[in-house]
Amino acid sequence: MKRVLIVLFAALSIMSCTKNKPETAAESPAGKAWQEIAPDEIDINAVKMIDKDWMVVSAGKEGDMNLMTISWGSLGELWNRPVMTVYVSTNRYTHEFMEKNDCFTVTHFPESMRQKLAYLGRVSGRDEDKVAGAGLTVEFTELGNPIYAEADLAIECRKIYAQQFDRDRLPEDVRQWYENSNLDIHYFYVGEIVHVWKK
């Protein structure tokens, strides 16, 4: 009987330690406030999240990265993988980082960060340190990709396809839009979602 009680006590102790251990500790970013979720558990309307709230796309590693605000993008499924697609013009500084890195991240921020997101879309990383200028705190995932402590959702993607839009195949109004804007034709980057964290 005494032996049974000792074994039972040991089992309960182990279960207690396991229960208190974060389930995603091995894959969590530096910030402890993040909780990993599955891609299909993202519970924000994708159109609102990208077009209305705006998001930030980032690429690069510590000491060599850039970020920009985006309002174009999509979430879905491709080739039996959960994916996120983002669009970056070739004249944006971030384009260089998207080209030379295998991964990118997309982060969503609370409404209180709106002015900072506007700043990130207005200023080029060629000219100044945008992270410092926006007052953001960079954290790096275990794969070495940047996310931000101020965000409330972070999506980490591995590039699986990238291509520039073919000008000749664009609708006439879109071609006209490019001619009237200061943007070069966008590349689209399809990323397989490898991690999603929320707060």
N, C-alpha and C. Protein backbone atom coordinates (compact mmCIF):
# COMPACT_ATOMS: atom_id res chain seq x y z
N MET A 1 0.84 -1.21 0.00
CA MET A 1 0.00 0.00 0.00
C MET A 1 0.87 1.25 0.00
N LYS A 2 1.93 1.23 0.82
CA LYS A 2 2.81 2.39 0.90
C LYS A 2 3.47 2.66 -0.45
N ARG A 3 3.86 1.55 -1.13
CA ARG A 3 4.49 1.69 -2.44
C ARG A 3 3.52 2.30 -3.45
N VAL A 4 2.25 1.86 -3.41
CA VAL A 4 1.22 2.39 -4.31
C VAL A 4 1.04 3.89 -4.08
N LEU A 5 1.00 4.32 -2.84
CA LEU A 5 0.85 5.74 -2.52
C LEU A 5 2.03 6.56 -3.03
N ILE A 6 3.24 6.03 -2.90
CA ILE A 6 4.43 6.73 -3.37
C ILE A 6 4.37 6.90 -4.89
N VAL A 7 4.02 5.82 -5.60
CA VAL A 7 3.91 5.87 -7.07
C VAL A 7 2.84 6.87 -7.49
N LEU A 8 1.69 6.85 -6.79
CA LEU A 8 0.60 7.77 -7.09
C LEU A 8 1.03 9.21 -6.86
N PHE A 9 1.71 9.48 -5.76
CA PHE A 9 2.19 10.83 -5.46
C PHE A 9 3.18 11.31 -6.53
N ALA A 10 4.08 10.43 -6.96
CA ALA A 10 5.06 10.78 -7.99
C ALA A 10 4.36 11.10 -9.30
N ALA A 11 3.36 10.31 -9.66
CA ALA A 11 2.63 10.54 -10.91
C ALA A 11 1.90 11.87 -10.88
N LEU A 12 1.26 12.18 -9.75
CA LEU A 12 0.55 13.46 -9.62
C LEU A 12 1.51 14.63 -9.71
N SER A 13 2.70 14.49 -9.13
CA SER A 13 3.71 15.56 -9.19
C SER A 13 4.14 15.82 -10.61
N ILE A 14 4.38 14.76 -11.37
CA ILE A 14 4.80 14.90 -12.78
C ILE A 14 3.70 15.56 -13.59
N MET A 15 2.44 15.11 -13.37
CA MET A 15 1.31 15.69 -14.10
C MET A 15 1.17 17.17 -13.79
N SER A 16 1.39 17.54 -12.54
CA SER A 16 1.29 18.93 -12.13
C SER A 16 2.33 19.79 -12.84
N CYS A 17 3.56 19.30 -12.94
CA CYS A 17 4.62 20.06 -13.63
C CYS A 17 4.32 20.19 -15.10
N THR A 18 3.84 19.10 -15.71
CA THR A 18 3.53 19.12 -17.15
C THR A 18 2.39 20.08 -17.43
N LYS A 19 1.40 20.08 -16.56
CA LYS A 19 0.24 20.94 -16.76
C LYS A 19 0.61 22.41 -16.72
N ASN A 20 1.56 22.78 -15.87
CA ASN A 20 1.95 24.18 -15.75
C ASN A 20 2.93 24.63 -16.83
N LYS A 21 3.51 23.69 -17.56
CA LYS A 21 4.47 24.04 -18.60
C LYS A 21 3.73 24.53 -19.83
N PRO A 22 4.12 25.68 -20.44
CA PRO A 22 3.45 26.16 -21.65
C PRO A 22 3.56 25.12 -22.76
N GLU A 23 2.44 24.86 -23.43
CA GLU A 23 2.43 23.82 -24.45
C GLU A 23 3.31 24.18 -25.64
N THR A 24 3.49 25.46 -25.94
CA THR A 24 4.22 25.87 -27.13
C THR A 24 5.55 26.52 -26.79
N ALA A 25 6.08 26.23 -25.61
CA ALA A 25 7.31 26.91 -25.18
C ALA A 25 8.45 26.72 -26.17
N ALA A 26 8.56 25.55 -26.77
CA ALA A 26 9.67 25.28 -27.68
C ALA A 26 9.58 26.10 -28.95
N GLU A 27 8.38 26.50 -29.33
CA GLU A 27 8.20 27.21 -30.59
C GLU A 27 7.82 28.68 -30.40
N SER A 28 7.74 29.14 -29.17
CA SER A 28 7.28 30.50 -28.92
C SER A 28 8.37 31.52 -29.25
N PRO A 29 7.98 32.72 -29.67
CA PRO A 29 8.95 33.79 -29.84
C PRO A 29 9.53 34.20 -28.49
N ALA A 30 10.39 35.19 -28.51
CA ALA A 30 11.06 35.62 -27.28
C ALA A 30 10.05 36.11 -26.24
N GLY A 31 9.00 36.77 -26.69
CA GLY A 31 8.01 37.30 -25.76
C GLY A 31 7.16 36.21 -25.15
N LYS A 32 7.04 36.20 -23.85
CA LYS A 32 6.33 35.12 -23.16
C LYS A 32 4.82 35.28 -23.22
N ALA A 33 4.34 36.44 -23.67
CA ALA A 33 2.89 36.67 -23.70
C ALA A 33 2.21 35.97 -24.87
N TRP A 34 2.98 35.47 -25.81
CA TRP A 34 2.41 34.85 -27.00
C TRP A 34 1.92 33.43 -26.72
N GLN A 35 0.84 33.06 -27.39
CA GLN A 35 0.32 31.70 -27.33
C GLN A 35 0.18 31.20 -28.76
N GLU A 36 0.74 30.04 -29.07
CA GLU A 36 0.65 29.52 -30.42
C GLU A 36 -0.72 28.93 -30.68
N ILE A 37 -1.25 29.21 -31.88
CA ILE A 37 -2.53 28.66 -32.32
C ILE A 37 -2.35 28.07 -33.72
N ALA A 38 -3.32 27.28 -34.15
CA ALA A 38 -3.31 26.73 -35.50
C ALA A 38 -3.79 27.81 -36.48
N PRO A 39 -3.35 27.75 -37.75
CA PRO A 39 -3.80 28.75 -38.73
C PRO A 39 -5.31 28.87 -38.83
N ASP A 40 -6.03 27.76 -38.69
CA ASP A 40 -7.49 27.84 -38.81
C ASP A 40 -8.17 28.37 -37.56
N GLU A 41 -7.37 28.73 -36.55
CA GLU A 41 -7.92 29.35 -35.34
C GLU A 41 -7.81 30.88 -35.37
N ILE A 42 -7.29 31.44 -36.45
CA ILE A 42 -7.27 32.90 -36.58
C ILE A 42 -8.72 33.36 -36.68
N ASP A 43 -9.16 34.13 -35.69
CA ASP A 43 -10.59 34.43 -35.60
C ASP A 43 -10.93 35.87 -35.97
N ILE A 44 -10.04 36.54 -36.70
CA ILE A 44 -10.32 37.89 -37.19
C ILE A 44 -10.68 37.79 -38.66
N ASN A 45 -11.71 38.52 -39.08
CA ASN A 45 -12.08 38.54 -40.48
C ASN A 45 -10.88 38.99 -41.32
N ALA A 46 -10.47 38.16 -42.28
CA ALA A 46 -9.24 38.43 -43.04
C ALA A 46 -9.31 39.74 -43.82
N VAL A 47 -10.45 40.04 -44.42
CA VAL A 47 -10.58 41.28 -45.20
C VAL A 47 -10.44 42.48 -44.29
N LYS A 48 -11.11 42.45 -43.13
CA LYS A 48 -10.99 43.55 -42.19
C LYS A 48 -9.57 43.67 -41.64
N MET A 49 -9.00 42.53 -41.28
CA MET A 49 -7.68 42.52 -40.67
C MET A 49 -6.63 43.14 -41.60
N ILE A 50 -6.70 42.82 -42.89
CA ILE A 50 -5.68 43.28 -43.84
C ILE A 50 -6.04 44.65 -44.41
N ASP A 51 -7.24 44.78 -44.93
CA ASP A 51 -7.61 46.01 -45.65
C ASP A 51 -7.97 47.16 -44.72
N LYS A 52 -8.71 46.88 -43.67
CA LYS A 52 -9.20 47.96 -42.80
C LYS A 52 -8.25 48.25 -41.63
N ASP A 53 -7.79 47.21 -40.96
CA ASP A 53 -6.91 47.41 -39.80
C ASP A 53 -5.48 47.70 -40.23
N TRP A 54 -5.09 47.16 -41.40
CA TRP A 54 -3.71 47.15 -41.89
C TRP A 54 -2.89 46.14 -41.10
N MET A 55 -1.81 45.71 -41.70
CA MET A 55 -0.88 44.80 -41.04
C MET A 55 0.53 45.24 -41.38
N VAL A 56 1.51 44.57 -40.81
CA VAL A 56 2.91 44.88 -41.09
C VAL A 56 3.58 43.61 -41.59
N VAL A 57 4.24 43.70 -42.75
CA VAL A 57 5.04 42.59 -43.26
C VAL A 57 6.50 42.90 -42.96
N SER A 58 7.23 41.90 -42.49
CA SER A 58 8.64 42.06 -42.13
C SER A 58 9.43 40.90 -42.72
N ALA A 59 10.68 41.19 -43.08
CA ALA A 59 11.57 40.14 -43.56
C ALA A 59 12.99 40.50 -43.15
N GLY A 60 13.78 39.47 -42.91
CA GLY A 60 15.17 39.68 -42.52
C GLY A 60 15.46 39.05 -41.17
N LYS A 61 16.68 39.24 -40.74
CA LYS A 61 17.14 38.68 -39.48
C LYS A 61 17.64 39.82 -38.59
N GLU A 62 18.00 39.51 -37.37
CA GLU A 62 18.48 40.52 -36.43
C GLU A 62 19.66 41.28 -37.02
N GLY A 63 19.56 42.60 -37.04
CA GLY A 63 20.61 43.45 -37.58
C GLY A 63 20.50 43.71 -39.07
N ASP A 64 19.57 43.03 -39.77
CA ASP A 64 19.41 43.21 -41.21
C ASP A 64 17.99 42.86 -41.61
N MET A 65 17.07 43.78 -41.35
CA MET A 65 15.66 43.52 -41.58
C MET A 65 14.95 44.82 -41.99
N ASN A 66 13.76 44.66 -42.51
CA ASN A 66 12.92 45.82 -42.78
C ASN A 66 11.45 45.42 -42.65
N LEU A 67 10.60 46.42 -42.55
CA LEU A 67 9.17 46.21 -42.36
C LEU A 67 8.40 47.30 -43.05
N MET A 68 7.17 47.01 -43.40
CA MET A 68 6.30 48.01 -44.01
C MET A 68 4.84 47.66 -43.72
N THR A 69 4.00 48.68 -43.73
CA THR A 69 2.56 48.49 -43.56
C THR A 69 1.97 47.96 -44.86
N ILE A 70 1.04 47.05 -44.76
CA ILE A 70 0.34 46.55 -45.94
C ILE A 70 -1.17 46.61 -45.72
N SER A 71 -1.89 46.81 -46.82
CA SER A 71 -3.34 46.71 -46.79
C SER A 71 -3.83 45.78 -47.89
N TRP A 72 -2.89 45.12 -48.55
CA TRP A 72 -3.22 44.09 -49.54
C TRP A 72 -2.70 42.77 -49.04
N GLY A 73 -3.49 41.72 -49.17
CA GLY A 73 -3.05 40.40 -48.77
C GLY A 73 -4.21 39.43 -48.75
N SER A 74 -3.89 38.18 -48.52
CA SER A 74 -4.95 37.18 -48.43
C SER A 74 -4.50 36.01 -47.58
N LEU A 75 -5.47 35.35 -46.98
CA LEU A 75 -5.27 34.14 -46.18
C LEU A 75 -6.07 33.02 -46.83
N GLY A 76 -5.51 31.83 -46.87
CA GLY A 76 -6.28 30.73 -47.43
C GLY A 76 -5.51 29.44 -47.47
N GLU A 77 -5.80 28.66 -48.49
CA GLU A 77 -5.24 27.32 -48.64
C GLU A 77 -4.72 27.19 -50.07
N LEU A 78 -3.52 26.62 -50.22
CA LEU A 78 -2.95 26.39 -51.54
C LEU A 78 -2.07 25.15 -51.47
N TRP A 79 -2.24 24.24 -52.43
CA TRP A 79 -1.42 23.03 -52.49
C TRP A 79 -1.46 22.27 -51.16
N ASN A 80 -2.65 22.24 -50.57
CA ASN A 80 -2.88 21.53 -49.30
C ASN A 80 -2.07 22.11 -48.15
N ARG A 81 -1.79 23.40 -48.22
CA ARG A 81 -1.06 24.07 -47.13
C ARG A 81 -1.80 25.36 -46.77
N PRO A 82 -1.80 25.73 -45.48
CA PRO A 82 -2.34 27.04 -45.12
C PRO A 82 -1.35 28.11 -45.59
N VAL A 83 -1.85 29.15 -46.23
CA VAL A 83 -0.95 30.15 -46.80
C VAL A 83 -1.42 31.57 -46.52
N MET A 84 -0.45 32.49 -46.57
CA MET A 84 -0.75 33.91 -46.59
C MET A 84 0.01 34.50 -47.77
N THR A 85 -0.67 35.36 -48.52
CA THR A 85 -0.06 36.02 -49.68
C THR A 85 0.00 37.51 -49.40
N VAL A 86 1.16 38.09 -49.67
CA VAL A 86 1.34 39.54 -49.52
C VAL A 86 1.88 40.10 -50.83
N TYR A 87 1.74 41.41 -51.00
CA TYR A 87 2.10 42.06 -52.25
C TYR A 87 3.05 43.22 -51.93
N VAL A 88 4.21 43.22 -52.58
CA VAL A 88 5.22 44.24 -52.30
C VAL A 88 5.74 44.80 -53.61
N SER A 89 5.68 46.09 -53.77
CA SER A 89 6.18 46.75 -54.98
C SER A 89 7.70 46.67 -55.03
N THR A 90 8.24 46.59 -56.23
CA THR A 90 9.69 46.46 -56.40
C THR A 90 10.45 47.71 -55.96
N ASN A 91 9.77 48.84 -55.88
CA ASN A 91 10.51 50.04 -55.44
C ASN A 91 10.44 50.26 -53.93
N ARG A 92 9.83 49.32 -53.21
CA ARG A 92 9.84 49.39 -51.76
C ARG A 92 11.10 48.72 -51.23
N TYR A 93 11.71 49.30 -50.21
CA TYR A 93 12.93 48.75 -49.62
C TYR A 93 12.70 47.33 -49.11
N THR A 94 11.51 47.07 -48.61
CA THR A 94 11.18 45.75 -48.09
C THR A 94 11.30 44.67 -49.16
N HIS A 95 11.11 45.05 -50.43
CA HIS A 95 11.20 44.07 -51.52
C HIS A 95 12.56 43.35 -51.52
N GLU A 96 13.63 44.10 -51.25
CA GLU A 96 14.97 43.50 -51.21
C GLU A 96 15.04 42.40 -50.14
N PHE A 97 14.41 42.64 -49.02
CA PHE A 97 14.45 41.68 -47.91
C PHE A 97 13.55 40.48 -48.19
N MET A 98 12.44 40.72 -48.87
CA MET A 98 11.56 39.61 -49.26
C MET A 98 12.27 38.70 -50.25
N GLU A 99 13.10 39.28 -51.12
CA GLU A 99 13.81 38.49 -52.13
C GLU A 99 14.93 37.65 -51.52
N LYS A 100 15.65 38.20 -50.57
CA LYS A 100 16.84 37.50 -50.09
C LYS A 100 16.61 36.63 -48.86
N ASN A 101 15.40 36.59 -48.35
CA ASN A 101 15.10 35.75 -47.19
C ASN A 101 14.06 34.69 -47.54
N ASP A 102 14.17 33.56 -46.87
CA ASP A 102 13.26 32.44 -47.14
C ASP A 102 11.93 32.57 -46.41
N CYS A 103 11.89 33.43 -45.39
CA CYS A 103 10.67 33.58 -44.58
C CYS A 103 10.27 35.04 -44.49
N PHE A 104 9.03 35.25 -44.10
CA PHE A 104 8.55 36.58 -43.76
C PHE A 104 7.50 36.44 -42.67
N THR A 105 7.23 37.55 -41.98
CA THR A 105 6.18 37.55 -40.97
C THR A 105 5.17 38.64 -41.28
N VAL A 106 3.95 38.42 -40.84
CA VAL A 106 2.89 39.42 -40.97
C VAL A 106 2.27 39.57 -39.59
N THR A 107 2.22 40.82 -39.10
CA THR A 107 1.72 41.07 -37.76
C THR A 107 0.53 42.03 -37.78
N HIS A 108 -0.38 41.80 -36.85
CA HIS A 108 -1.57 42.64 -36.68
C HIS A 108 -1.43 43.38 -35.36
N PHE A 109 -1.90 44.62 -35.33
CA PHE A 109 -1.75 45.45 -34.14
C PHE A 109 -3.11 45.98 -33.68
N PRO A 110 -3.21 46.33 -32.40
CA PRO A 110 -4.44 46.95 -31.91
C PRO A 110 -4.66 48.32 -32.56
N GLU A 111 -5.90 48.77 -32.52
CA GLU A 111 -6.28 50.07 -33.10
C GLU A 111 -5.44 51.21 -32.55
N SER A 112 -4.99 51.10 -31.31
CA SER A 112 -4.21 52.18 -30.69
C SER A 112 -2.87 52.41 -31.39
N MET A 113 -2.45 51.48 -32.25
CA MET A 113 -1.18 51.58 -32.96
C MET A 113 -1.33 52.18 -34.35
N ARG A 114 -2.51 52.68 -34.68
CA ARG A 114 -2.82 53.13 -36.04
C ARG A 114 -1.82 54.17 -36.56
N GLN A 115 -1.49 55.15 -35.76
CA GLN A 115 -0.57 56.20 -36.21
C GLN A 115 0.82 55.64 -36.49
N LYS A 116 1.24 54.67 -35.69
CA LYS A 116 2.54 54.06 -35.91
C LYS A 116 2.55 53.26 -37.21
N LEU A 117 1.43 52.61 -37.52
CA LEU A 117 1.34 51.87 -38.77
C LEU A 117 1.37 52.82 -39.96
N ALA A 118 0.73 53.98 -39.82
CA ALA A 118 0.77 54.99 -40.89
C ALA A 118 2.21 55.45 -41.12
N TYR A 119 2.95 55.64 -40.04
CA TYR A 119 4.35 56.04 -40.14
C TYR A 119 5.17 54.96 -40.87
N LEU A 120 4.94 53.70 -40.55
CA LEU A 120 5.69 52.60 -41.17
C LEU A 120 5.41 52.50 -42.67
N GLY A 121 4.23 52.93 -43.10
CA GLY A 121 3.90 52.92 -44.52
C GLY A 121 4.41 54.15 -45.26
N ARG A 122 4.70 55.20 -44.52
CA ARG A 122 5.08 56.48 -45.12
C ARG A 122 6.59 56.65 -45.25
N VAL A 123 7.35 56.05 -44.34
CA VAL A 123 8.80 56.27 -44.25
C VAL A 123 9.54 55.06 -44.80
N SER A 124 10.67 55.28 -45.46
CA SER A 124 11.47 54.18 -45.99
C SER A 124 12.59 53.78 -45.03
N GLY A 125 12.81 52.48 -44.91
CA GLY A 125 13.91 51.97 -44.10
C GLY A 125 15.27 52.31 -44.69
N ARG A 126 15.30 52.76 -45.93
CA ARG A 126 16.57 53.23 -46.51
C ARG A 126 17.04 54.51 -45.82
N ASP A 127 16.09 55.28 -45.32
CA ASP A 127 16.40 56.61 -44.79
C ASP A 127 16.52 56.67 -43.28
N GLU A 128 15.86 55.78 -42.58
CA GLU A 128 15.90 55.81 -41.12
C GLU A 128 15.52 54.47 -40.52
N ASP A 129 15.77 54.33 -39.24
CA ASP A 129 15.43 53.13 -38.50
C ASP A 129 13.94 53.18 -38.17
N LYS A 130 13.15 52.47 -38.96
CA LYS A 130 11.70 52.53 -38.80
C LYS A 130 11.22 51.91 -37.50
N VAL A 131 11.90 50.87 -37.04
CA VAL A 131 11.50 50.23 -35.78
C VAL A 131 11.63 51.23 -34.63
N ALA A 132 12.77 51.92 -34.58
CA ALA A 132 12.98 52.93 -33.54
C ALA A 132 12.01 54.09 -33.71
N GLY A 133 11.82 54.51 -34.95
CA GLY A 133 10.93 55.64 -35.22
C GLY A 133 9.49 55.38 -34.81
N ALA A 134 9.06 54.13 -34.95
CA ALA A 134 7.69 53.78 -34.57
C ALA A 134 7.60 53.39 -33.10
N GLY A 135 8.73 53.27 -32.43
CA GLY A 135 8.73 52.88 -31.03
C GLY A 135 8.33 51.43 -30.81
N LEU A 136 8.70 50.56 -31.76
CA LEU A 136 8.35 49.16 -31.65
C LEU A 136 9.45 48.36 -30.96
N THR A 137 9.07 47.24 -30.36
CA THR A 137 10.02 46.35 -29.70
C THR A 137 10.09 45.07 -30.51
N VAL A 138 11.23 44.82 -31.15
CA VAL A 138 11.38 43.63 -31.98
C VAL A 138 11.66 42.41 -31.12
N GLU A 139 10.97 41.32 -31.43
CA GLU A 139 11.26 40.01 -30.85
C GLU A 139 11.55 39.09 -32.03
N PHE A 140 12.35 38.06 -31.80
CA PHE A 140 12.68 37.15 -32.89
C PHE A 140 12.18 35.75 -32.57
N THR A 141 11.59 35.12 -33.56
CA THR A 141 11.09 33.76 -33.40
C THR A 141 12.27 32.79 -33.36
N GLU A 142 11.97 31.55 -33.09
CA GLU A 142 13.04 30.54 -33.08
C GLU A 142 13.66 30.36 -34.45
N LEU A 143 12.93 30.72 -35.50
CA LEU A 143 13.50 30.67 -36.85
C LEU A 143 14.26 31.94 -37.18
N GLY A 144 14.29 32.89 -36.23
CA GLY A 144 15.06 34.12 -36.41
C GLY A 144 14.35 35.24 -37.12
N ASN A 145 13.02 35.16 -37.24
CA ASN A 145 12.26 36.17 -37.97
C ASN A 145 11.63 37.19 -37.02
N PRO A 146 11.53 38.45 -37.47
CA PRO A 146 11.06 39.52 -36.57
C PRO A 146 9.55 39.58 -36.41
N ILE A 147 9.11 39.72 -35.17
CA ILE A 147 7.74 40.10 -34.83
C ILE A 147 7.85 41.19 -33.76
N TYR A 148 6.74 41.68 -33.25
CA TYR A 148 6.78 42.87 -32.38
C TYR A 148 5.96 42.66 -31.12
N ALA A 149 6.52 43.09 -30.01
CA ALA A 149 5.87 42.93 -28.72
C ALA A 149 4.53 43.65 -28.67
N GLU A 150 4.38 44.73 -29.43
CA GLU A 150 3.16 45.53 -29.41
C GLU A 150 2.03 44.91 -30.24
N ALA A 151 2.34 43.92 -31.06
CA ALA A 151 1.33 43.28 -31.91
C ALA A 151 0.44 42.36 -31.09
N ASP A 152 -0.71 42.01 -31.65
CA ASP A 152 -1.59 41.06 -30.97
C ASP A 152 -1.77 39.76 -31.77
N LEU A 153 -1.20 39.71 -32.97
CA LEU A 153 -1.23 38.50 -33.79
C LEU A 153 0.02 38.49 -34.66
N ALA A 154 0.67 37.35 -34.75
CA ALA A 154 1.87 37.23 -35.58
C ALA A 154 1.78 35.95 -36.40
N ILE A 155 2.00 36.08 -37.70
CA ILE A 155 1.93 34.94 -38.62
C ILE A 155 3.31 34.80 -39.27
N GLU A 156 3.92 33.63 -39.09
CA GLU A 156 5.25 33.38 -39.64
C GLU A 156 5.10 32.46 -40.85
N CYS A 157 5.69 32.89 -41.97
CA CYS A 157 5.51 32.18 -43.24
C CYS A 157 6.84 31.82 -43.88
N ARG A 158 6.86 30.68 -44.56
CA ARG A 158 8.01 30.28 -45.37
C ARG A 158 7.60 30.45 -46.83
N LYS A 159 8.38 31.22 -47.59
CA LYS A 159 8.04 31.47 -48.99
C LYS A 159 7.99 30.17 -49.78
N ILE A 160 6.91 29.99 -50.54
CA ILE A 160 6.82 28.83 -51.43
C ILE A 160 6.62 29.25 -52.88
N TYR A 161 6.33 30.54 -53.11
CA TYR A 161 6.20 31.02 -54.49
C TYR A 161 6.29 32.54 -54.48
N ALA A 162 6.91 33.08 -55.53
CA ALA A 162 6.99 34.54 -55.69
C ALA A 162 7.06 34.86 -57.18
N GLN A 163 6.34 35.89 -57.56
CA GLN A 163 6.35 36.29 -58.97
C GLN A 163 5.82 37.71 -59.10
N GLN A 164 6.34 38.43 -60.08
CA GLN A 164 5.83 39.77 -60.36
C GLN A 164 4.61 39.66 -61.27
N PHE A 165 3.63 40.52 -61.03
CA PHE A 165 2.47 40.56 -61.92
C PHE A 165 2.91 40.92 -63.33
N ASP A 166 2.29 40.31 -64.32
CA ASP A 166 2.54 40.59 -65.73
C ASP A 166 1.71 41.81 -66.14
N ARG A 167 2.39 42.90 -66.46
CA ARG A 167 1.68 44.14 -66.80
C ARG A 167 0.67 43.93 -67.92
N ASP A 168 1.02 43.13 -68.91
CA ASP A 168 0.13 42.94 -70.08
C ASP A 168 -1.14 42.18 -69.73
N ARG A 169 -1.13 41.49 -68.60
CA ARG A 169 -2.31 40.72 -68.22
C ARG A 169 -3.14 41.40 -67.15
N LEU A 170 -2.72 42.60 -66.74
CA LEU A 170 -3.48 43.34 -65.73
C LEU A 170 -4.71 43.98 -66.38
N PRO A 171 -5.80 44.13 -65.62
CA PRO A 171 -6.95 44.87 -66.13
C PRO A 171 -6.55 46.30 -66.48
N GLU A 172 -7.24 46.90 -67.44
CA GLU A 172 -6.88 48.24 -67.92
C GLU A 172 -6.87 49.27 -66.79
N ASP A 173 -7.86 49.21 -65.90
CA ASP A 173 -7.90 50.20 -64.82
C ASP A 173 -6.73 50.03 -63.86
N VAL A 174 -6.25 48.79 -63.69
CA VAL A 174 -5.10 48.55 -62.81
C VAL A 174 -3.82 49.05 -63.48
N ARG A 175 -3.68 48.81 -64.79
CA ARG A 175 -2.52 49.37 -65.51
C ARG A 175 -2.50 50.88 -65.38
N GLN A 176 -3.67 51.50 -65.52
CA GLN A 176 -3.76 52.95 -65.39
C GLN A 176 -3.38 53.40 -63.99
N TRP A 177 -3.82 52.64 -63.00
CA TRP A 177 -3.49 52.96 -61.62
C TRP A 177 -1.98 52.97 -61.41
N TYR A 178 -1.28 51.96 -61.95
CA TYR A 178 0.18 51.93 -61.83
C TYR A 178 0.83 53.12 -62.53
N GLU A 179 0.32 53.48 -63.67
CA GLU A 179 0.88 54.62 -64.41
C GLU A 179 0.71 55.92 -63.64
N ASN A 180 -0.37 56.02 -62.89
CA ASN A 180 -0.64 57.26 -62.13
C ASN A 180 -0.02 57.26 -60.74
N SER A 181 0.42 56.10 -60.28
CA SER A 181 0.99 56.03 -58.93
C SER A 181 2.51 56.10 -59.02
N ASN A 182 3.14 56.13 -57.86
CA ASN A 182 4.61 56.13 -57.83
C ASN A 182 5.14 54.75 -57.50
N LEU A 183 4.33 53.73 -57.74
CA LEU A 183 4.73 52.36 -57.40
C LEU A 183 5.01 51.55 -58.66
N ASP A 184 6.06 50.72 -58.59
CA ASP A 184 6.32 49.76 -59.65
C ASP A 184 5.38 48.58 -59.48
N ILE A 185 5.34 47.74 -60.51
CA ILE A 185 4.48 46.56 -60.46
C ILE A 185 4.84 45.69 -59.26
N HIS A 186 3.84 45.22 -58.55
CA HIS A 186 4.04 44.43 -57.33
C HIS A 186 4.47 43.00 -57.64
N TYR A 187 5.25 42.45 -56.73
CA TYR A 187 5.47 41.02 -56.62
C TYR A 187 4.44 40.47 -55.65
N PHE A 188 4.00 39.25 -55.89
CA PHE A 188 3.21 38.60 -54.85
C PHE A 188 4.02 37.45 -54.29
N TYR A 189 3.97 37.33 -52.97
CA TYR A 189 4.72 36.32 -52.23
C TYR A 189 3.72 35.42 -51.51
N VAL A 190 3.75 34.15 -51.87
CA VAL A 190 2.90 33.17 -51.20
C VAL A 190 3.75 32.48 -50.14
N GLY A 191 3.30 32.55 -48.91
CA GLY A 191 4.04 31.93 -47.82
C GLY A 191 3.23 30.84 -47.14
N GLU A 192 3.83 29.67 -46.99
CA GLU A 192 3.19 28.64 -46.18
C GLU A 192 3.25 29.07 -44.73
N ILE A 193 2.11 29.07 -44.06
CA ILE A 193 2.06 29.48 -42.65
C ILE A 193 2.67 28.37 -41.81
N VAL A 194 3.76 28.69 -41.13
CA VAL A 194 4.43 27.68 -40.29
C VAL A 194 4.15 27.88 -38.81
N HIS A 195 3.84 29.12 -38.41
CA HIS A 195 3.48 29.39 -37.00
C HIS A 195 2.51 30.57 -36.97
N VAL A 196 1.61 30.53 -36.02
CA VAL A 196 0.72 31.66 -35.72
C VAL A 196 0.72 31.83 -34.20
N TRP A 197 0.92 33.07 -33.77
CA TRP A 197 0.83 33.37 -32.34
C TRP A 197 -0.16 34.50 -32.12
N LYS A 198 -0.86 34.44 -30.99
CA LYS A 198 -1.74 35.53 -30.63
C LYS A 198 -1.53 35.86 -29.16
N LYS A 199 -2.07 37.01 -28.75
CA LYS A 199 -2.04 37.39 -27.34
C LYS A 199 -3.46 37.40 -26.79
